[in-house]
């Protein structure tokens, strides 16, 4: 019993060393490509050997897909010289692109866990490549793009639909009273109500991990957009509460959430989209009573 408690998976992930390393979920015993049409099955790709002088080597299996080619998606294996790159997964990908295969495509920008650009599925968990330690991962490291999206190339998903859903919740301050001379004031306790919500970096790890969004992504807004919706509903300076709730009062936009909490488990910033969605539902009920 003590051992199981020591290895218990936290309900809210706050750091990369809390990400599940359970082989049950990362190496699920279902044949690769099971049930997929032939054109979607991931094939074994090329293996790139390590440099001859490398002494510390780790294998990275990276998803590759080129829409301009008639080839199936494939997993290329790169033997990475750990002494020649930094400690993070993003460092390894940059090393691969610079020294082995310049055609590898992935997004990156800040390299500090702020921009959300490098979100991808790393060893079965959605995370930011720039904040995931290589030393935390098994061998081979398996890297896929975020699930549930069309793939533009390799590790680059198409986020057009997700950004359109984010725009739908109108993520800016709505005011009806005259604009003050200097600024709109908040009490410290009112400002603290935004903690845990404003920090979202729109990496969409949560939405990619949400089964409800896989099933109803055309109508369900998903955890990232709904967390942002709550961020504005919770802001005492915003004066469009009723209008925002009216926009969410829909059988699909809000209520397709089944509280699976994959979103909360996978957020690399330690936020709780599941709680934000529950708060919106509570506000819906309160205004009807």
Protein backbone atom coordinates (compact mmCIF):
# COMPACT_ATOMS: atom_id res chain seq x y z
CA UNK A 1 0.00 0.00 0.00
CA UNK A 2 2.81 2.42 0.86
CA UNK A 3 4.44 1.79 -2.50
CA UNK A 4 1.23 2.50 -4.41
CA UNK A 5 0.79 5.80 -2.57
CA UNK A 6 4.36 6.80 -3.34
CA UNK A 7 3.73 6.26 -7.05
CA UNK A 8 0.23 7.73 -7.10
CA UNK A 9 -0.43 9.97 -10.09
CA UNK A 10 -1.27 13.51 -8.96
CA UNK A 11 -4.68 14.86 -9.91
CA UNK A 12 -3.18 18.17 -10.97
CA UNK A 13 0.21 18.12 -12.69
CA UNK A 14 2.49 20.92 -11.51
CA UNK A 15 5.91 19.85 -12.81
CA UNK A 16 7.42 17.56 -15.39
CA UNK A 17 8.53 15.06 -12.75
CA UNK A 18 4.85 14.44 -11.94
CA UNK A 19 3.97 13.27 -15.45
CA UNK A 20 2.87 9.66 -15.49
CA UNK A 21 5.61 7.21 -16.34
CA UNK A 22 3.29 4.21 -16.12
CA UNK A 23 4.06 1.80 -18.98
CA UNK A 24 0.39 0.73 -18.92
CA UNK A 25 -0.60 4.00 -20.59
CA UNK A 26 2.52 4.74 -22.60
CA UNK A 27 2.94 1.25 -24.05
CA UNK A 28 -0.66 0.13 -24.29
CA UNK A 29 -0.74 -3.46 -25.69
CA UNK A 30 -2.79 -2.71 -28.83
CA UNK A 31 -1.13 -3.29 -32.21
CA UNK A 32 0.06 -0.06 -33.82
CA UNK A 33 -2.42 1.12 -36.43
CA UNK A 34 -5.20 -1.13 -35.09
CA UNK A 35 -8.50 -0.29 -36.81
CA UNK A 36 -7.04 2.48 -38.97
CA UNK A 37 -7.48 2.62 -42.75
CA UNK A 38 -4.33 1.56 -44.63
CA UNK A 39 -3.38 5.12 -45.60
CA UNK A 40 -3.30 6.26 -41.96
CA UNK A 41 -1.20 3.49 -40.49
CA UNK A 42 2.15 4.56 -39.12
CA UNK A 43 4.99 2.69 -40.76
CA UNK A 44 8.55 2.10 -39.63
CA UNK A 45 10.79 4.77 -41.15
CA UNK A 46 14.51 5.33 -41.42
CA UNK A 47 17.03 4.87 -38.62
CA UNK A 48 19.73 7.50 -38.31
CA UNK A 49 22.84 6.30 -36.45
CA UNK A 50 24.64 8.31 -33.78
CA UNK A 51 27.92 10.11 -34.58
CA UNK A 52 30.92 7.82 -34.32
CA UNK A 53 32.41 9.80 -31.42
CA UNK A 54 29.20 9.81 -29.32
CA UNK A 55 29.46 8.09 -25.92
CA UNK A 56 26.02 8.90 -24.43
CA UNK A 57 23.27 8.08 -26.89
CA UNK A 58 19.47 7.94 -26.64
CA UNK A 59 17.01 6.81 -29.30
CA UNK A 60 14.18 9.15 -30.33
CA UNK A 61 11.31 7.80 -32.42
CA UNK A 62 9.75 10.83 -34.13
CA UNK A 63 6.50 10.94 -36.09
CA UNK A 64 7.02 12.05 -39.69
CA UNK A 65 4.37 13.01 -42.20
CA UNK A 66 4.66 14.97 -45.43
CA UNK A 67 1.30 15.87 -47.07
CA UNK A 68 3.09 16.49 -50.38
CA UNK A 69 4.25 12.88 -50.45
CA UNK A 70 2.17 9.78 -51.15
CA UNK A 71 3.84 7.95 -48.24
CA UNK A 72 2.08 6.88 -45.07
CA UNK A 73 3.05 8.52 -41.78
CA UNK A 74 6.17 6.91 -40.37
CA UNK A 75 8.35 6.77 -37.27
CA UNK A 76 11.96 7.73 -37.93
CA UNK A 77 14.51 6.72 -35.31
CA UNK A 78 17.27 9.19 -34.45
CA UNK A 79 20.20 8.26 -32.24
CA UNK A 80 20.88 11.50 -30.36
CA UNK A 81 24.25 12.40 -28.86
CA UNK A 82 23.21 13.63 -25.39
CA UNK A 83 26.58 15.31 -24.83
CA UNK A 84 26.04 17.50 -27.89
CA UNK A 85 22.59 18.89 -27.00
CA UNK A 86 20.80 20.41 -24.02
CA UNK A 87 18.76 18.54 -21.40
CA UNK A 88 15.27 19.12 -22.83
CA UNK A 89 13.35 17.28 -25.54
CA UNK A 90 13.26 20.47 -27.60
CA UNK A 91 17.06 20.60 -27.45
CA UNK A 92 17.17 17.10 -28.92
CA UNK A 93 14.76 18.03 -31.71
CA UNK A 94 16.79 21.12 -32.57
CA UNK A 95 19.97 19.00 -32.58
CA UNK A 96 18.30 16.51 -34.94
CA UNK A 97 17.20 19.30 -37.26
CA UNK A 98 20.61 21.00 -37.23
CA UNK A 99 22.83 17.94 -37.51
CA UNK A 100 20.85 15.05 -39.00
CA UNK A 101 17.66 15.89 -40.88
CA UNK A 102 16.90 19.53 -41.71
CA UNK A 103 13.47 18.61 -43.09
CA UNK A 104 12.07 17.80 -39.62
CA UNK A 105 9.21 20.24 -38.91
CA UNK A 106 8.06 21.39 -35.46
CA UNK A 107 7.02 24.64 -33.80
CA UNK A 108 9.12 26.47 -31.22
CA UNK A 109 9.65 30.00 -30.03
CA UNK A 110 10.42 31.00 -26.44
CA UNK A 111 12.06 27.78 -25.16
CA UNK A 112 10.90 28.84 -21.66
CA UNK A 113 7.43 27.26 -21.30
CA UNK A 114 5.72 30.58 -22.04
CA UNK A 115 4.58 30.59 -25.68
CA UNK A 116 3.09 27.08 -25.91
CA UNK A 117 4.41 26.59 -29.44
CA UNK A 118 6.25 23.32 -28.85
CA UNK A 119 3.33 21.34 -27.39
CA UNK A 120 3.42 17.72 -28.55
CA UNK A 121 2.79 14.20 -27.33
CA UNK A 122 5.95 13.00 -25.61
CA UNK A 123 6.01 9.37 -24.50
CA UNK A 124 2.22 9.27 -24.28
CA UNK A 125 1.71 12.58 -22.47
CA UNK A 126 0.89 15.98 -23.95
CA UNK A 127 3.56 18.38 -22.76
CA UNK A 128 5.87 21.21 -23.80
CA UNK A 129 9.06 19.93 -25.42
CA UNK A 130 11.03 22.84 -23.95
CA UNK A 131 10.18 21.89 -20.34
CA UNK A 132 10.36 18.08 -20.60
CA UNK A 133 13.63 16.59 -19.40
CA UNK A 134 15.15 13.91 -21.59
CA UNK A 135 16.37 12.16 -18.45
CA UNK A 136 12.74 11.63 -17.33
CA UNK A 137 11.92 9.56 -20.40
CA UNK A 138 12.33 5.92 -21.26
CA UNK A 139 14.20 4.64 -24.30
CA UNK A 140 13.19 5.01 -27.03
CA UNK A 141 11.55 8.41 -26.56
CA UNK A 142 8.42 8.48 -28.70
CA UNK A 143 7.27 11.85 -30.01
CA UNK A 144 4.00 12.47 -31.83
CA UNK A 145 2.06 15.65 -32.69
CA UNK A 146 -0.95 16.63 -30.59
CA UNK A 147 -3.86 14.25 -31.20
CA UNK A 148 -7.21 15.20 -32.68
CA UNK A 149 -5.87 17.67 -35.25
CA UNK A 150 -5.01 17.49 -38.91
CA UNK A 151 -1.25 17.44 -39.37
CA UNK A 152 0.36 20.05 -41.58
CA UNK A 153 3.74 18.33 -41.46
CA UNK A 154 5.59 16.09 -38.99
CA UNK A 155 4.97 17.51 -35.49
CA UNK A 156 3.00 20.56 -36.64
CA UNK A 157 -0.79 20.27 -36.08
CA UNK A 158 -3.34 22.56 -37.71
CA UNK A 159 -4.67 24.81 -34.89
CA UNK A 160 -6.97 26.91 -37.09
CA UNK A 161 -10.17 25.44 -35.62
CA UNK A 162 -8.98 25.69 -32.02
CA UNK A 163 -8.00 29.34 -32.45
CA UNK A 164 -11.39 30.06 -34.03
CA UNK A 165 -13.06 28.53 -30.96
CA UNK A 166 -10.88 30.70 -28.74
CA UNK A 167 -11.94 33.77 -30.70
CA UNK A 168 -15.59 32.73 -30.28
CA UNK A 169 -15.51 33.35 -26.52
CA UNK A 170 -14.33 36.95 -27.17
CA UNK A 171 -11.25 36.94 -24.92
CA UNK A 172 -11.08 40.66 -24.23
CA UNK A 173 -12.61 43.04 -21.70
CA UNK A 174 -16.19 44.10 -22.37
CA UNK A 175 -17.28 47.32 -20.69
CA UNK A 176 -20.48 49.35 -20.64
CA UNK A 177 -19.59 52.11 -18.19
CA UNK A 178 -17.52 55.11 -19.33
CA UNK A 179 -13.81 54.45 -19.52
CA UNK A 180 -12.00 55.68 -16.39
CA UNK A 181 -9.32 58.36 -16.58
CA UNK A 182 -6.50 56.01 -15.57
CA UNK A 183 -7.37 52.33 -15.06
CA UNK A 184 -10.09 49.94 -13.97
CA UNK A 185 -9.34 49.07 -10.36
CA UNK A 186 -9.63 45.72 -8.61
CA UNK A 187 -9.29 44.78 -4.98
CA UNK A 188 -6.41 42.35 -4.29
CA UNK A 189 -8.89 39.59 -3.43
CA UNK A 190 -10.73 40.20 -6.71
CA UNK A 191 -7.48 39.95 -8.63
CA UNK A 192 -6.66 36.66 -6.88
CA UNK A 193 -9.81 35.15 -8.38
CA UNK A 194 -8.00 35.10 -11.72
CA UNK A 195 -5.06 33.07 -10.43
CA UNK A 196 -4.97 29.67 -12.08
CA UNK A 197 -6.81 30.91 -15.16
CA UNK A 198 -5.01 33.87 -16.72
CA UNK A 199 -1.75 31.86 -16.95
CA UNK A 200 -3.05 29.73 -19.85
CA UNK A 201 -0.57 29.89 -22.77
CA UNK A 202 -2.90 28.30 -25.38
CA UNK A 203 -0.66 25.31 -26.01
CA UNK A 204 -3.88 23.24 -26.40
CA UNK A 205 -2.41 20.22 -24.60
CA UNK A 206 -5.69 20.03 -22.67
CA UNK A 207 -8.00 20.18 -25.69
CA UNK A 208 -5.91 17.61 -27.53
CA UNK A 209 -6.27 15.25 -24.54
CA UNK A 210 -10.07 15.69 -24.27
CA UNK A 211 -12.14 12.73 -25.58
CA UNK A 212 -15.26 14.92 -25.66
CA UNK A 213 -13.48 17.26 -28.06
CA UNK A 214 -12.38 14.32 -30.20
CA UNK A 215 -16.04 13.29 -30.52
CA UNK A 216 -17.68 16.71 -30.79
CA UNK A 217 -14.89 19.12 -31.70
CA UNK A 218 -17.08 20.85 -34.28
CA UNK A 219 -19.47 22.10 -31.54
CA UNK A 220 -17.88 21.55 -28.12
CA UNK A 221 -15.52 24.45 -27.36
CA UNK A 222 -13.06 22.31 -25.42
CA UNK A 223 -11.18 22.94 -22.16
CA UNK A 224 -8.74 25.60 -23.42
CA UNK A 225 -11.46 27.91 -24.76
CA UNK A 226 -13.74 27.31 -21.76
CA UNK A 227 -10.97 28.02 -19.26
CA UNK A 228 -10.45 31.33 -21.04
CA UNK A 229 -14.20 31.96 -20.98
CA UNK A 230 -14.19 31.52 -17.20
CA UNK A 231 -11.17 33.80 -16.87
CA UNK A 232 -13.34 36.66 -18.20
CA UNK A 233 -16.46 35.63 -16.31
CA UNK A 234 -14.40 35.73 -13.10
CA UNK A 235 -12.96 39.16 -13.87
CA UNK A 236 -14.83 41.82 -11.87
CA UNK A 237 -13.87 44.48 -14.42
CA UNK A 238 -15.79 42.73 -17.20
CA UNK A 239 -19.39 43.87 -17.66
CA UNK A 240 -20.78 41.32 -20.11
CA UNK A 241 -21.46 38.36 -17.82
CA UNK A 242 -24.98 37.70 -19.10
CA UNK A 243 -23.95 37.97 -22.74
CA UNK A 244 -21.04 35.58 -22.19
CA UNK A 245 -23.28 33.05 -20.44
CA UNK A 246 -25.90 33.34 -23.19
CA UNK A 247 -23.23 32.49 -25.76
CA UNK A 248 -22.28 29.36 -23.79
CA UNK A 249 -25.87 28.23 -23.09
CA UNK A 250 -25.85 25.45 -25.63
CA UNK A 251 -26.14 21.64 -25.38
CA UNK A 252 -22.72 21.25 -26.99
CA UNK A 253 -20.55 24.32 -26.44
CA UNK A 254 -20.36 23.80 -22.68
CA UNK A 255 -22.25 20.68 -21.66
CA UNK A 256 -20.34 18.11 -23.68
CA UNK A 257 -17.76 18.14 -20.89
CA UNK A 258 -18.07 14.83 -19.03
CA UNK A 259 -15.52 15.68 -16.31
CA UNK A 260 -13.00 13.12 -17.52
CA UNK A 261 -10.27 15.56 -16.36
CA UNK A 262 -7.66 14.55 -18.92
CA UNK A 263 -7.36 18.30 -19.43
CA UNK A 264 -6.34 18.93 -15.84
CA UNK A 265 -3.97 15.97 -15.78
CA UNK A 266 -2.01 17.11 -18.82
CA UNK A 267 -1.79 20.89 -18.39
CA UNK A 268 1.94 21.76 -18.37
CA UNK A 269 1.22 24.96 -16.41
CA UNK A 270 -0.57 23.12 -13.60
CA UNK A 271 -3.93 24.76 -14.32
CA UNK A 272 -7.33 23.15 -13.81
CA UNK A 273 -9.61 23.56 -16.85
CA UNK A 274 -12.02 21.01 -15.37
CA UNK A 275 -12.64 23.29 -12.38
CA UNK A 276 -13.14 26.30 -14.67
CA UNK A 277 -15.79 24.43 -16.64
CA UNK A 278 -17.51 23.39 -13.41
CA UNK A 279 -17.55 27.03 -12.28
CA UNK A 280 -19.26 28.08 -15.53
CA UNK A 281 -21.89 25.36 -15.06
CA UNK A 282 -22.44 26.54 -11.47
CA UNK A 283 -22.93 30.13 -12.67
CA UNK A 284 -25.42 28.88 -15.26
CA UNK A 285 -27.46 27.17 -12.56
CA UNK A 286 -27.33 30.14 -10.19
CA UNK A 287 -28.68 32.59 -12.72
CA UNK A 288 -31.62 30.28 -13.45
CA UNK A 289 -32.61 29.90 -9.80
